[in-house]
Every structure is written in structure tokens, then in C-alpha cells.
Amino acid sequence: MPATRTRATRFARVIVITIVIGVGLWQAWPMLESAALLMDMTGAARAVRPWVPVREDAVTTEDLEVPTRFGGIPTRLYRPRDARVATLAIFPGVHGGGVDEPRLSALSHRIAAAGAIVLSAPLPDLRAYRLTTRATDMIEDVTIWLSGRRDLAPTGRVGLVGVSFAGGLALVAAGRPTMADRLTGVFALGPHADLPRAIRYLCLAEGAPRTLRPPHDYGVVLMLRASVGLVVPVDQRAALDRAILTFLDASSAETTDRTLSANLFADAIEAERALPEPSRTLMHAVNQRDVATLGRLLAPYAEQIGGAPALSPVRSPATTAPVFLLHGVDDNVIPASESIELQRYLQNAGNRRVETLLTPLLTHADARANVPVRDIWRLVRFWTRLWDALER
């Protein structure tokens, strides 16, 4: 074979190999981006992250008051240097922290650094440890406002991200007629499908869903606060409510400020001593994290506490937007079976794209280390599909 033909053949092979490698990298790139984002959000694989060739954008922040039918609410806008992916509204769960809460701030910043415009919107009622229909209305109002800002959402469509109970409320809001053409999709992390059923689980009620772990006391104390008006005389309600609020503030601070948390737990015990009966017995159960005692009392009120249709996705019109449900397999605040029920309800209602992943990588809304590689891979693939769906 002449030398020129040999060189041409070799050159052709190099071109073919280069194209094959390029196509492979192009197809793998979204998963690489997802893996990098998950590393950034969870802090996992810190030694590996510098070798992953996915950059983080510079991010600027701006505090905004977003109007709703109940008045303005404080939010924080995270804007990347190169907004190339999506516009997202993030609604955290029932927690006392606002836009400065460290985990919410870190999550919002890292998602923005991956190329998304992010509006972080803690809801006032959820910050006050209350699940209300007003909170669902506020999710609707914030989404309408954000989708109407063409400088932030050029296509007039945004993605909703709801964490814990806010995930269920976001799905309720997403099914309303005003939202029909405004959503790229909904991502719910550890959501509920039916609030009374979730309450019965927290109360250890007969026939409620079971998980590998007993329910967390935080959830049942939330439900006690919602039912104070049902379980103690009128003249005791305010004092018991203040004591419960102190305990919940202490629980919220456990992961961010241990000293503050310990002081607040001590204050909750002191408040218990000053209460008359039956409030003192109830607050003693709270301080002792006695889920069984509280559950026996509250289970009969599950429907009264949470039965409003605007609090449960399966009691409200279903959204037709793509829905992604991510749930810890042994979540002990909202059981993983709630996401399974959500998927069944949405699909039966005609939603053509509902994806669910139950993973050991999560507890309730926090990441867990030391899990099998196959579960990490499943999460990367799930996140890649989610990220693709939320692109504007």
C-alpha cells in the first residue's frame, strides 16, 4: 500500500475515533454535570470534585419582597453569571429559618452556580411551624410573579422545587388552572400525598403506613401545635403554644447552632413546669419526645387538622407538568409510601411524566454518606432527567 494511502487511512481512523469519543462525551456530559452538582450540594467526594471538569458560575444575590394576596414575603434571588439552564422557585419545608438558613442558602447557591436562576422563598406560615391553605396560595402567587418577570423567566415558565411538606403543597398549587402554562416541571423532595394519612403515620395510628424507622417526634409536635385548640381549654392555649414553639425552635436549630438549641430545649422544659394541667402533661410528652402518648391523643383529629383539599395533592386537581419525586426509603417524617401514592394518583389523573426515586441516600431532607455506588448512579441519572426537564 502506498505511503500516502497509509497516512490517509490512519488520519481517517483518528478522525473516526475522535468523533466517537466526542459523541460519547457529549452524551455523558449531562450526567457529569449532574454528578458535579450533587457533589457540590452534598459535599460528597470532595477529593474527586476538583477533577470533574464542570465549573461553578459566579453567583450574585438580591433580597426581594415578592407580592402575594396576603402581603409581601421576603425572598432571595440567586443569579448566576451565565443563566443557561432554568428558572426555579424553591420552597423549603416547615422550619423556623428564613433565607439565611445555612442549608437553604447553600442549596440555592449551588443550584444557581450550575446555571439556574433561583428564587428562594421560605413561606411565613411554614416558618411559624404551621401547615395552612394560605401557604399553598402563596406558592401559587410567588410562581405567577416569577413567571411574569421576563428578565428572570424569559419563556414565562419556571420550575417548582418543594421540600418536605412544601413539596406536597407545591404539587397542589401546580394543579391549579392559573399554573397551567407557567411550569416546566415540579421537583418534590420527601413530599406528602395525603396529609391526614401522613399525620396518622406520625401518630402511630392503626393502619397508617409503616417504615423501617419509628416516626420522628418533630412531625407529631408540629401536629400538636396545629391541634392546640382541640386539646386544651381556651385559657391554656396561648401558653402551651408558646412552649411548643420554643421546642420547635430548638429542634430547628439542632443542625446549625447546638448551643442555641440546647438553651431553647432547657427553656421548653422550664415552660413545662409553669403550665397547668392538662397542658403540663402534653408538654412533658413533647419534652420527652414521647410520640406514642402524643399520637394516641392526636390521631382522632387527623382529618380536622389536615383534611382541607388545599393541603393534600391527592385531594386536589392533578398537575399535568412533569413531576419528579425523590424520597428517602426510610424517611421517618413523611413515609416513602407517600411518593408512591402520589405517582399513582398523578398517573391515574392523566399525567404522562411522573418519575419517582426512593433512595437510601436521603433520610428526610438530608444527604447520607456510605451508600452503594449503584444508588449514587441511580440518583445521578434521576437528577439528569430532572435537570433536562426543568430547562426553559
Foldseek 3Di string as FASTA:
>chain_A
DDPVVVVVVVVVVVVVVVVVVVVVCVVCVLLLLLLLLVCQLFVPPVVCNVVRPQFFFDKDKDWDFAQAPVGTFIKMKIAGPAQFFFEEEEEEAQFLDDCVPPSNVSNQRSVNRSRYIYIYGYDPQSNQLAQDLVSLRVLLRRLQRQLPPCVRNVVSAHEYEYAELRLFSNQQSQQDPVNQPHYLEYEYAQYFAAQLLLQLQLLVHPPRDDFPDRAFLLQLLSLCLLCLVPPDDPVQSVLLNVLSSLLRNLVNCVVPPVVSSVVSLVVSLVSLVVGDPPSNVVSVCSSVSVSNVSSVVCSVCSCVRGVDLSSHNLSHGGHLHAYEYEYECRARSGHPVRLVVVVVSNVVNPRPHYHYDHANLDHRRHGDDDDDPVRVSVVSVSVSVVSNSNGD
